[in-house]
Full PDB file with SEQRES, HELIX, SHEET, SSBOND, CRYST1, ORIGX, SCALE, CONECT and MASTER records, all heavy atoms in Angstrom:
SEQRES   1 A   36  LEU GLY GLU THR ALA ASN VAL ALA GLY GLY GLY ALA LYS          
SEQRES   2 A   36  GLY LEU SER ASP ARG PHE VAL SER GLY PHE LEU TRP LEU          
SEQRES   3 A   36  ASN LYS LEU GLY LEU ALA ALA GLN HIS GLY                      
HELIX    1 AA1 SER A   21  GLN A   34  1                                  14    
CRYST1    1.000    1.000    1.000  90.00  90.00  90.00 P 1           1          
ORIGX1      1.000000  0.000000  0.000000        0.00000                         
ORIGX2      0.000000  1.000000  0.000000        0.00000                         
ORIGX3      0.000000  0.000000  1.000000        0.00000                         
SCALE1      1.000000  0.000000  0.000000        0.00000                         
SCALE2      0.000000  1.000000  0.000000        0.00000                         
SCALE3      0.000000  0.000000  1.000000        0.00000                         
ATOM      1  N   LEU A   1     -91.736 255.463   4.278  1.00  0.00           N  
ATOM      2  CA  LEU A   1     -92.320 255.677   2.975  1.00  0.00           C  
ATOM      3  C   LEU A   1     -92.101 254.439   2.194  1.00  0.00           C  
ATOM      4  O   LEU A   1     -90.922 254.110   1.858  1.00  0.00           O  
ATOM      5  CB  LEU A   1     -91.657 256.893   2.346  1.00  0.00           C  
ATOM      6  CG  LEU A   1     -92.274 257.449   1.039  1.00  0.00           C  
ATOM      7  CD1 LEU A   1     -93.715 257.764   1.212  1.00  0.00           C  
ATOM      8  CD2 LEU A   1     -91.512 258.669   0.585  1.00  0.00           C  
ATOM      9  N   GLY A   2     -93.147 253.665   1.865  1.00  0.00           N  
ATOM     10  CA  GLY A   2     -92.981 252.377   1.217  1.00  0.00           C  
ATOM     11  C   GLY A   2     -93.441 252.330  -0.181  1.00  0.00           C  
ATOM     12  O   GLY A   2     -94.258 253.128  -0.697  1.00  0.00           O  
ATOM     13  N   GLU A   3     -92.846 251.358  -0.917  1.00  0.00           N  
ATOM     14  CA  GLU A   3     -93.289 251.060  -2.263  1.00  0.00           C  
ATOM     15  C   GLU A   3     -93.277 252.261  -3.119  1.00  0.00           C  
ATOM     16  O   GLU A   3     -94.247 252.614  -3.838  1.00  0.00           O  
ATOM     17  CB  GLU A   3     -94.589 250.315  -2.324  1.00  0.00           C  
ATOM     18  CG  GLU A   3     -94.545 248.968  -1.741  1.00  0.00           C  
ATOM     19  CD  GLU A   3     -95.723 248.038  -2.066  1.00  0.00           C  
ATOM     20  OE1 GLU A   3     -96.484 248.423  -2.984  1.00  0.00           O  
ATOM     21  OE2 GLU A   3     -95.858 247.003  -1.423  1.00  0.00           O  
ATOM     22  N   THR A   4     -92.161 252.973  -3.124  1.00  0.00           N  
ATOM     23  CA  THR A   4     -92.038 254.201  -3.990  1.00  0.00           C  
ATOM     24  C   THR A   4     -91.426 253.856  -5.309  1.00  0.00           C  
ATOM     25  O   THR A   4     -90.709 252.932  -5.483  1.00  0.00           O  
ATOM     26  CB  THR A   4     -91.207 255.259  -3.259  1.00  0.00           C  
ATOM     27  OG1 THR A   4     -89.873 254.796  -3.135  1.00  0.00           O  
ATOM     28  CG2 THR A   4     -91.806 255.542  -1.848  1.00  0.00           C  
ATOM     29  N   ALA A   5     -91.690 254.746  -6.271  1.00  0.00           N  
ATOM     30  CA  ALA A   5     -91.117 254.680  -7.618  1.00  0.00           C  
ATOM     31  C   ALA A   5     -91.218 256.010  -8.223  1.00  0.00           C  
ATOM     32  O   ALA A   5     -91.794 256.935  -7.641  1.00  0.00           O  
ATOM     33  CB  ALA A   5     -91.845 253.584  -8.431  1.00  0.00           C  
ATOM     34  N   ASN A   6     -90.619 256.184  -9.438  1.00  0.00           N  
ATOM     35  CA  ASN A   6     -90.676 257.504 -10.043  1.00  0.00           C  
ATOM     36  C   ASN A   6     -91.904 257.638 -10.961  1.00  0.00           C  
ATOM     37  O   ASN A   6     -92.311 258.757 -11.217  1.00  0.00           O  
ATOM     38  CB  ASN A   6     -89.407 257.839 -10.720  1.00  0.00           C  
ATOM     39  CG  ASN A   6     -88.884 256.714 -11.640  1.00  0.00           C  
ATOM     40  OD1 ASN A   6     -89.668 256.019 -12.250  1.00  0.00           O  
ATOM     41  ND2 ASN A   6     -87.601 256.559 -11.715  1.00  0.00           N  
ATOM     42  N   VAL A   7     -92.421 256.593 -11.467  1.00  0.00           N  
ATOM     43  CA  VAL A   7     -93.564 256.551 -12.341  1.00  0.00           C  
ATOM     44  C   VAL A   7     -94.370 255.293 -11.981  1.00  0.00           C  
ATOM     45  O   VAL A   7     -93.786 254.177 -11.958  1.00  0.00           O  
ATOM     46  CB  VAL A   7     -93.195 256.601 -13.842  1.00  0.00           C  
ATOM     47  CG1 VAL A   7     -94.486 256.468 -14.680  1.00  0.00           C  
ATOM     48  CG2 VAL A   7     -92.448 257.868 -14.172  1.00  0.00           C  
ATOM     49  N   ALA A   8     -95.690 255.414 -11.836  1.00  0.00           N  
ATOM     50  CA  ALA A   8     -96.495 254.256 -11.477  1.00  0.00           C  
ATOM     51  C   ALA A   8     -96.555 253.253 -12.649  1.00  0.00           C  
ATOM     52  O   ALA A   8     -96.298 253.593 -13.771  1.00  0.00           O  
ATOM     53  CB  ALA A   8     -97.919 254.763 -11.125  1.00  0.00           C  
ATOM     54  N   GLY A   9     -96.920 252.040 -12.350  1.00  0.00           N  
ATOM     55  CA  GLY A   9     -97.151 251.050 -13.358  1.00  0.00           C  
ATOM     56  C   GLY A   9     -95.978 250.465 -13.965  1.00  0.00           C  
ATOM     57  O   GLY A   9     -96.006 249.980 -15.092  1.00  0.00           O  
ATOM     58  N   GLY A  10     -94.818 250.450 -13.283  1.00  0.00           N  
ATOM     59  CA  GLY A  10     -93.643 249.829 -13.863  1.00  0.00           C  
ATOM     60  C   GLY A  10     -92.631 250.792 -14.344  1.00  0.00           C  
ATOM     61  O   GLY A  10     -91.481 250.383 -14.721  1.00  0.00           O  
ATOM     62  N   GLY A  11     -92.966 252.078 -14.405  1.00  0.00           N  
ATOM     63  CA  GLY A  11     -91.985 253.089 -14.857  1.00  0.00           C  
ATOM     64  C   GLY A  11     -92.147 253.503 -16.282  1.00  0.00           C  
ATOM     65  O   GLY A  11     -92.993 252.946 -16.999  1.00  0.00           O  
ATOM     66  N   ALA A  12     -91.362 254.394 -16.681  1.00  0.00           N  
ATOM     67  CA  ALA A  12     -91.369 254.960 -18.043  1.00  0.00           C  
ATOM     68  C   ALA A  12     -90.141 254.457 -18.777  1.00  0.00           C  
ATOM     69  O   ALA A  12     -89.010 254.807 -18.405  1.00  0.00           O  
ATOM     70  CB  ALA A  12     -91.418 256.464 -17.958  1.00  0.00           C  
ATOM     71  N   LYS A  13     -90.362 253.759 -19.836  1.00  0.00           N  
ATOM     72  CA  LYS A  13     -89.236 253.131 -20.625  1.00  0.00           C  
ATOM     73  C   LYS A  13     -88.275 254.273 -21.142  1.00  0.00           C  
ATOM     74  O   LYS A  13     -88.795 255.315 -21.656  1.00  0.00           O  
ATOM     75  CB  LYS A  13     -89.816 252.340 -21.776  1.00  0.00           C  
ATOM     76  CG  LYS A  13     -88.752 251.578 -22.555  1.00  0.00           C  
ATOM     77  CD  LYS A  13     -89.377 250.512 -23.424  1.00  0.00           C  
ATOM     78  CE  LYS A  13     -88.428 249.616 -24.134  1.00  0.00           C  
ATOM     79  NZ  LYS A  13     -87.631 248.844 -23.237  1.00  0.00           N  
ATOM     80  N   GLY A  14     -87.022 254.101 -20.875  1.00  0.00           N  
ATOM     81  CA  GLY A  14     -86.068 255.093 -21.372  1.00  0.00           C  
ATOM     82  C   GLY A  14     -85.919 256.335 -20.516  1.00  0.00           C  
ATOM     83  O   GLY A  14     -85.133 257.202 -20.833  1.00  0.00           O  
ATOM     84  N   LEU A  15     -86.706 256.389 -19.441  1.00  0.00           N  
ATOM     85  CA  LEU A  15     -86.572 257.543 -18.529  1.00  0.00           C  
ATOM     86  C   LEU A  15     -86.403 257.092 -17.082  1.00  0.00           C  
ATOM     87  O   LEU A  15     -85.566 257.634 -16.390  1.00  0.00           O  
ATOM     88  CB  LEU A  15     -87.921 258.396 -18.562  1.00  0.00           C  
ATOM     89  CG  LEU A  15     -88.186 259.105 -19.928  1.00  0.00           C  
ATOM     90  CD1 LEU A  15     -89.539 259.704 -19.915  1.00  0.00           C  
ATOM     91  CD2 LEU A  15     -87.131 260.169 -20.153  1.00  0.00           C  
ATOM     92  N   SER A  16     -87.169 256.167 -16.607  1.00  0.00           N  
ATOM     93  CA  SER A  16     -87.079 255.716 -15.198  1.00  0.00           C  
ATOM     94  C   SER A  16     -85.816 255.064 -14.841  1.00  0.00           C  
ATOM     95  O   SER A  16     -85.384 255.056 -13.661  1.00  0.00           O  
ATOM     96  CB  SER A  16     -88.245 254.772 -14.893  1.00  0.00           C  
ATOM     97  OG  SER A  16     -89.487 255.367 -14.970  1.00  0.00           O  
ATOM     98  N   ASP A  17     -85.082 254.622 -15.841  1.00  0.00           N  
ATOM     99  CA  ASP A  17     -83.806 253.924 -15.573  1.00  0.00           C  
ATOM    100  C   ASP A  17     -82.646 254.796 -15.988  1.00  0.00           C  
ATOM    101  O   ASP A  17     -81.502 254.350 -16.240  1.00  0.00           O  
ATOM    102  CB  ASP A  17     -83.767 252.557 -16.273  1.00  0.00           C  
ATOM    103  CG  ASP A  17     -83.945 252.635 -17.749  1.00  0.00           C  
ATOM    104  OD1 ASP A  17     -84.354 253.746 -18.232  1.00  0.00           O  
ATOM    105  OD2 ASP A  17     -83.736 251.641 -18.453  1.00  0.00           O  
ATOM    106  N   ARG A  18     -82.847 256.123 -16.100  1.00  0.00           N  
ATOM    107  CA  ARG A  18     -81.767 257.005 -16.597  1.00  0.00           C  
ATOM    108  C   ARG A  18     -81.449 258.047 -15.522  1.00  0.00           C  
ATOM    109  O   ARG A  18     -82.132 258.160 -14.478  1.00  0.00           O  
ATOM    110  CB  ARG A  18     -82.220 257.774 -17.873  1.00  0.00           C  
ATOM    111  CG  ARG A  18     -82.573 256.803 -19.026  1.00  0.00           C  
ATOM    112  CD  ARG A  18     -81.277 256.216 -19.550  1.00  0.00           C  
ATOM    113  NE  ARG A  18     -81.555 255.402 -20.757  1.00  0.00           N  
ATOM    114  CZ  ARG A  18     -81.659 254.083 -20.813  1.00  0.00           C  
ATOM    115  NH1 ARG A  18     -81.483 253.320 -19.730  1.00  0.00           N  
ATOM    116  NH2 ARG A  18     -81.843 253.498 -21.945  1.00  0.00           N  
ATOM    117  N   PHE A  19     -80.458 258.849 -15.782  1.00  0.00           N  
ATOM    118  CA  PHE A  19     -80.052 259.798 -14.757  1.00  0.00           C  
ATOM    119  C   PHE A  19     -81.110 260.837 -14.445  1.00  0.00           C  
ATOM    120  O   PHE A  19     -81.180 261.385 -13.357  1.00  0.00           O  
ATOM    121  CB  PHE A  19     -78.741 260.541 -15.166  1.00  0.00           C  
ATOM    122  CG  PHE A  19     -77.503 259.656 -14.993  1.00  0.00           C  
ATOM    123  CD1 PHE A  19     -76.888 259.042 -16.004  1.00  0.00           C  
ATOM    124  CD2 PHE A  19     -76.980 259.585 -13.644  1.00  0.00           C  
ATOM    125  CE1 PHE A  19     -75.795 258.269 -15.798  1.00  0.00           C  
ATOM    126  CE2 PHE A  19     -75.845 258.788 -13.428  1.00  0.00           C  
ATOM    127  CZ  PHE A  19     -75.242 258.188 -14.493  1.00  0.00           C  
ATOM    128  N   VAL A  20     -81.980 261.183 -15.399  1.00  0.00           N  
ATOM    129  CA  VAL A  20     -83.008 262.171 -15.152  1.00  0.00           C  
ATOM    130  C   VAL A  20     -83.932 261.734 -14.016  1.00  0.00           C  
ATOM    131  O   VAL A  20     -84.456 262.574 -13.310  1.00  0.00           O  
ATOM    132  CB  VAL A  20     -83.838 262.460 -16.441  1.00  0.00           C  
ATOM    133  CG1 VAL A  20     -84.680 261.261 -16.849  1.00  0.00           C  
ATOM    134  CG2 VAL A  20     -84.635 263.717 -16.296  1.00  0.00           C  
ATOM    135  N   SER A  21     -84.127 260.469 -13.756  1.00  0.00           N  
ATOM    136  CA  SER A  21     -84.987 259.998 -12.650  1.00  0.00           C  
ATOM    137  C   SER A  21     -84.392 260.355 -11.344  1.00  0.00           C  
ATOM    138  O   SER A  21     -85.122 260.354 -10.346  1.00  0.00           O  
ATOM    139  CB  SER A  21     -85.161 258.459 -12.803  1.00  0.00           C  
ATOM    140  OG  SER A  21     -84.022 257.744 -12.498  1.00  0.00           O  
ATOM    141  N   GLY A  22     -83.140 260.706 -11.343  1.00  0.00           N  
ATOM    142  CA  GLY A  22     -82.480 261.126 -10.089  1.00  0.00           C  
ATOM    143  C   GLY A  22     -83.106 262.358  -9.461  1.00  0.00           C  
ATOM    144  O   GLY A  22     -83.068 262.522  -8.246  1.00  0.00           O  
ATOM    145  N   PHE A  23     -83.672 263.224 -10.287  1.00  0.00           N  
ATOM    146  CA  PHE A  23     -84.316 264.466  -9.767  1.00  0.00           C  
ATOM    147  C   PHE A  23     -85.423 264.050  -8.854  1.00  0.00           C  
ATOM    148  O   PHE A  23     -85.599 264.555  -7.751  1.00  0.00           O  
ATOM    149  CB  PHE A  23     -84.840 265.343 -10.943  1.00  0.00           C  
ATOM    150  CG  PHE A  23     -83.799 266.038 -11.653  1.00  0.00           C  
ATOM    151  CD1 PHE A  23     -83.461 265.713 -13.037  1.00  0.00           C  
ATOM    152  CD2 PHE A  23     -83.041 267.061 -11.110  1.00  0.00           C  
ATOM    153  CE1 PHE A  23     -82.518 266.322 -13.709  1.00  0.00           C  
ATOM    154  CE2 PHE A  23     -82.019 267.692 -11.777  1.00  0.00           C  
ATOM    155  CZ  PHE A  23     -81.760 267.327 -13.128  1.00  0.00           C  
ATOM    156  N   LEU A  24     -86.279 263.063  -9.339  1.00  0.00           N  
ATOM    157  CA  LEU A  24     -87.427 262.631  -8.546  1.00  0.00           C  
ATOM    158  C   LEU A  24     -86.910 261.806  -7.309  1.00  0.00           C  
ATOM    159  O   LEU A  24     -87.406 261.968  -6.204  1.00  0.00           O  
ATOM    160  CB  LEU A  24     -88.389 261.732  -9.337  1.00  0.00           C  
ATOM    161  CG  LEU A  24     -89.168 262.454 -10.332  1.00  0.00           C  
ATOM    162  CD1 LEU A  24     -89.906 261.505 -11.248  1.00  0.00           C  
ATOM    163  CD2 LEU A  24     -90.214 263.371  -9.692  1.00  0.00           C  
ATOM    164  N   TRP A  25     -85.945 260.967  -7.459  1.00  0.00           N  
ATOM    165  CA  TRP A  25     -85.431 260.108  -6.352  1.00  0.00           C  
ATOM    166  C   TRP A  25     -84.781 260.856  -5.325  1.00  0.00           C  
ATOM    167  O   TRP A  25     -85.013 260.705  -4.090  1.00  0.00           O  
ATOM    168  CB  TRP A  25     -84.507 259.069  -7.020  1.00  0.00           C  
ATOM    169  CG  TRP A  25     -83.928 258.053  -6.086  1.00  0.00           C  
ATOM    170  CD1 TRP A  25     -82.597 257.647  -6.013  1.00  0.00           C  
ATOM    171  CD2 TRP A  25     -84.608 257.199  -5.140  1.00  0.00           C  
ATOM    172  NE1 TRP A  25     -82.446 256.666  -5.098  1.00  0.00           N  
ATOM    173  CE2 TRP A  25     -83.631 256.346  -4.508  1.00  0.00           C  
ATOM    174  CE3 TRP A  25     -85.937 257.075  -4.779  1.00  0.00           C  
ATOM    175  CZ2 TRP A  25     -83.965 255.452  -3.599  1.00  0.00           C  
ATOM    176  CZ3 TRP A  25     -86.263 256.126  -3.806  1.00  0.00           C  
ATOM    177  CH2 TRP A  25     -85.326 255.329  -3.236  1.00  0.00           C  
ATOM    178  N   LEU A  26     -83.910 261.841  -5.662  1.00  0.00           N  
ATOM    179  CA  LEU A  26     -83.241 262.664  -4.628  1.00  0.00           C  
ATOM    180  C   LEU A  26     -84.203 263.617  -3.944  1.00  0.00           C  
ATOM    181  O   LEU A  26     -84.102 263.876  -2.770  1.00  0.00           O  
ATOM    182  CB  LEU A  26     -82.024 263.412  -5.234  1.00  0.00           C  
ATOM    183  CG  LEU A  26     -80.865 262.546  -5.654  1.00  0.00           C  
ATOM    184  CD1 LEU A  26     -79.792 263.341  -6.359  1.00  0.00           C  
ATOM    185  CD2 LEU A  26     -80.263 261.826  -4.449  1.00  0.00           C  
ATOM    186  N   ASN A  27     -85.199 264.081  -4.704  1.00  0.00           N  
ATOM    187  CA  ASN A  27     -86.238 264.927  -4.137  1.00  0.00           C  
ATOM    188  C   ASN A  27     -87.018 264.110  -3.101  1.00  0.00           C  
ATOM    189  O   ASN A  27     -87.316 264.546  -1.970  1.00  0.00           O  
ATOM    190  CB  ASN A  27     -87.213 265.446  -5.169  1.00  0.00           C  
ATOM    191  CG  ASN A  27     -88.211 266.436  -4.662  1.00  0.00           C  
ATOM    192  OD1 ASN A  27     -87.930 267.472  -4.161  1.00  0.00           O  
ATOM    193  ND2 ASN A  27     -89.439 265.996  -4.814  1.00  0.00           N  
ATOM    194  N   LYS A  28     -87.287 262.882  -3.448  1.00  0.00           N  
ATOM    195  CA  LYS A  28     -88.038 261.995  -2.560  1.00  0.00           C  
ATOM    196  C   LYS A  28     -87.229 261.707  -1.246  1.00  0.00           C  
ATOM    197  O   LYS A  28     -87.736 261.774  -0.116  1.00  0.00           O  
ATOM    198  CB  LYS A  28     -88.376 260.686  -3.207  1.00  0.00           C  
ATOM    199  CG  LYS A  28     -89.217 259.726  -2.383  1.00  0.00           C  
ATOM    200  CD  LYS A  28     -89.587 258.517  -3.227  1.00  0.00           C  
ATOM    201  CE  LYS A  28     -90.508 258.987  -4.298  1.00  0.00           C  
ATOM    202  NZ  LYS A  28     -90.981 257.902  -5.189  1.00  0.00           N  
ATOM    203  N   LEU A  29     -85.999 261.414  -1.463  1.00  0.00           N  
ATOM    204  CA  LEU A  29     -85.084 261.143  -0.308  1.00  0.00           C  
ATOM    205  C   LEU A  29     -84.983 262.346   0.679  1.00  0.00           C  
ATOM    206  O   LEU A  29     -85.022 262.292   1.863  1.00  0.00           O  
ATOM    207  CB  LEU A  29     -83.776 260.605  -0.699  1.00  0.00           C  
ATOM    208  CG  LEU A  29     -83.694 259.252  -1.377  1.00  0.00           C  
ATOM    209  CD1 LEU A  29     -82.327 258.968  -1.896  1.00  0.00           C  
ATOM    210  CD2 LEU A  29     -84.096 258.121  -0.487  1.00  0.00           C  
ATOM    211  N   GLY A  30     -84.834 263.527  -0.003  1.00  0.00           N  
ATOM    212  CA  GLY A  30     -84.699 264.716   0.748  1.00  0.00           C  
ATOM    213  C   GLY A  30     -85.944 265.128   1.516  1.00  0.00           C  
ATOM    214  O   GLY A  30     -85.931 265.490   2.691  1.00  0.00           O  
ATOM    215  N   LEU A  31     -87.083 265.095   0.842  1.00  0.00           N  
ATOM    216  CA  LEU A  31     -88.401 265.338   1.463  1.00  0.00           C  
ATOM    217  C   LEU A  31     -88.713 264.400   2.548  1.00  0.00           C  
ATOM    218  O   LEU A  31     -89.179 264.819   3.583  1.00  0.00           O  
ATOM    219  CB  LEU A  31     -89.485 265.407   0.424  1.00  0.00           C  
ATOM    220  CG  LEU A  31     -89.567 266.643  -0.476  1.00  0.00           C  
ATOM    221  CD1 LEU A  31     -90.618 266.432  -1.560  1.00  0.00           C  
ATOM    222  CD2 LEU A  31     -89.873 267.832   0.339  1.00  0.00           C  
ATOM    223  N   ALA A  32     -88.502 263.143   2.329  1.00  0.00           N  
ATOM    224  CA  ALA A  32     -88.772 262.199   3.359  1.00  0.00           C  
ATOM    225  C   ALA A  32     -87.967 262.420   4.628  1.00  0.00           C  
ATOM    226  O   ALA A  32     -88.464 262.387   5.744  1.00  0.00           O  
ATOM    227  CB  ALA A  32     -88.494 260.787   2.826  1.00  0.00           C  
ATOM    228  N   ALA A  33     -86.704 262.816   4.472  1.00  0.00           N  
ATOM    229  CA  ALA A  33     -85.826 263.092   5.610  1.00  0.00           C  
ATOM    230  C   ALA A  33     -86.341 264.376   6.322  1.00  0.00           C  
ATOM    231  O   ALA A  33     -86.392 264.416   7.530  1.00  0.00           O  
ATOM    232  CB  ALA A  33     -84.409 263.276   5.145  1.00  0.00           C  
ATOM    233  N   GLN A  34     -86.706 265.452   5.562  1.00  0.00           N  
ATOM    234  CA  GLN A  34     -87.280 266.675   6.113  1.00  0.00           C  
ATOM    235  C   GLN A  34     -88.522 266.397   6.930  1.00  0.00           C  
ATOM    236  O   GLN A  34     -88.706 266.945   7.942  1.00  0.00           O  
ATOM    237  CB  GLN A  34     -87.554 267.661   5.049  1.00  0.00           C  
ATOM    238  CG  GLN A  34     -86.410 268.488   4.655  1.00  0.00           C  
ATOM    239  CD  GLN A  34     -86.824 269.529   3.618  1.00  0.00           C  
ATOM    240  OE1 GLN A  34     -87.889 269.422   2.975  1.00  0.00           O  
ATOM    241  NE2 GLN A  34     -86.006 270.550   3.428  1.00  0.00           N  
ATOM    242  N   HIS A  35     -89.315 265.430   6.502  1.00  0.00           N  
ATOM    243  CA  HIS A  35     -90.548 265.080   7.182  1.00  0.00           C  
ATOM    244  C   HIS A  35     -90.361 264.111   8.269  1.00  0.00           C  
ATOM    245  O   HIS A  35     -91.364 263.650   8.880  1.00  0.00           O  
ATOM    246  CB  HIS A  35     -91.621 264.604   6.189  1.00  0.00           C  
ATOM    247  CG  HIS A  35     -92.245 265.736   5.345  1.00  0.00           C  
ATOM    248  ND1 HIS A  35     -93.489 266.171   5.598  1.00  0.00           N  
ATOM    249  CD2 HIS A  35     -91.751 266.400   4.302  1.00  0.00           C  
ATOM    250  CE1 HIS A  35     -93.785 267.133   4.729  1.00  0.00           C  
ATOM    251  NE2 HIS A  35     -92.718 267.291   3.949  1.00  0.00           N  
ATOM    252  N   GLY A  36     -89.158 263.644   8.529  1.00  0.00           N  
ATOM    253  CA  GLY A  36     -88.872 262.726   9.617  1.00  0.00           C  
ATOM    254  C   GLY A  36     -89.114 261.316   9.322  1.00  0.00           C  
ATOM    255  O   GLY A  36     -89.156 260.469  10.212  1.00  0.00           O  
TER     256      GLY A  36                                                      
MASTER        0    0    0    1    0    0    0    6  255    1    0    3          
END                                                                             
């Protein structure tokens, strides 16, 4: 799974670089692993 991010276009100021983005990031890592 390549070139992933939490928000397209450079991210969301004040959100993409905070702990809340971890929900999307960990969901992505978990789903990617489940899908092989």
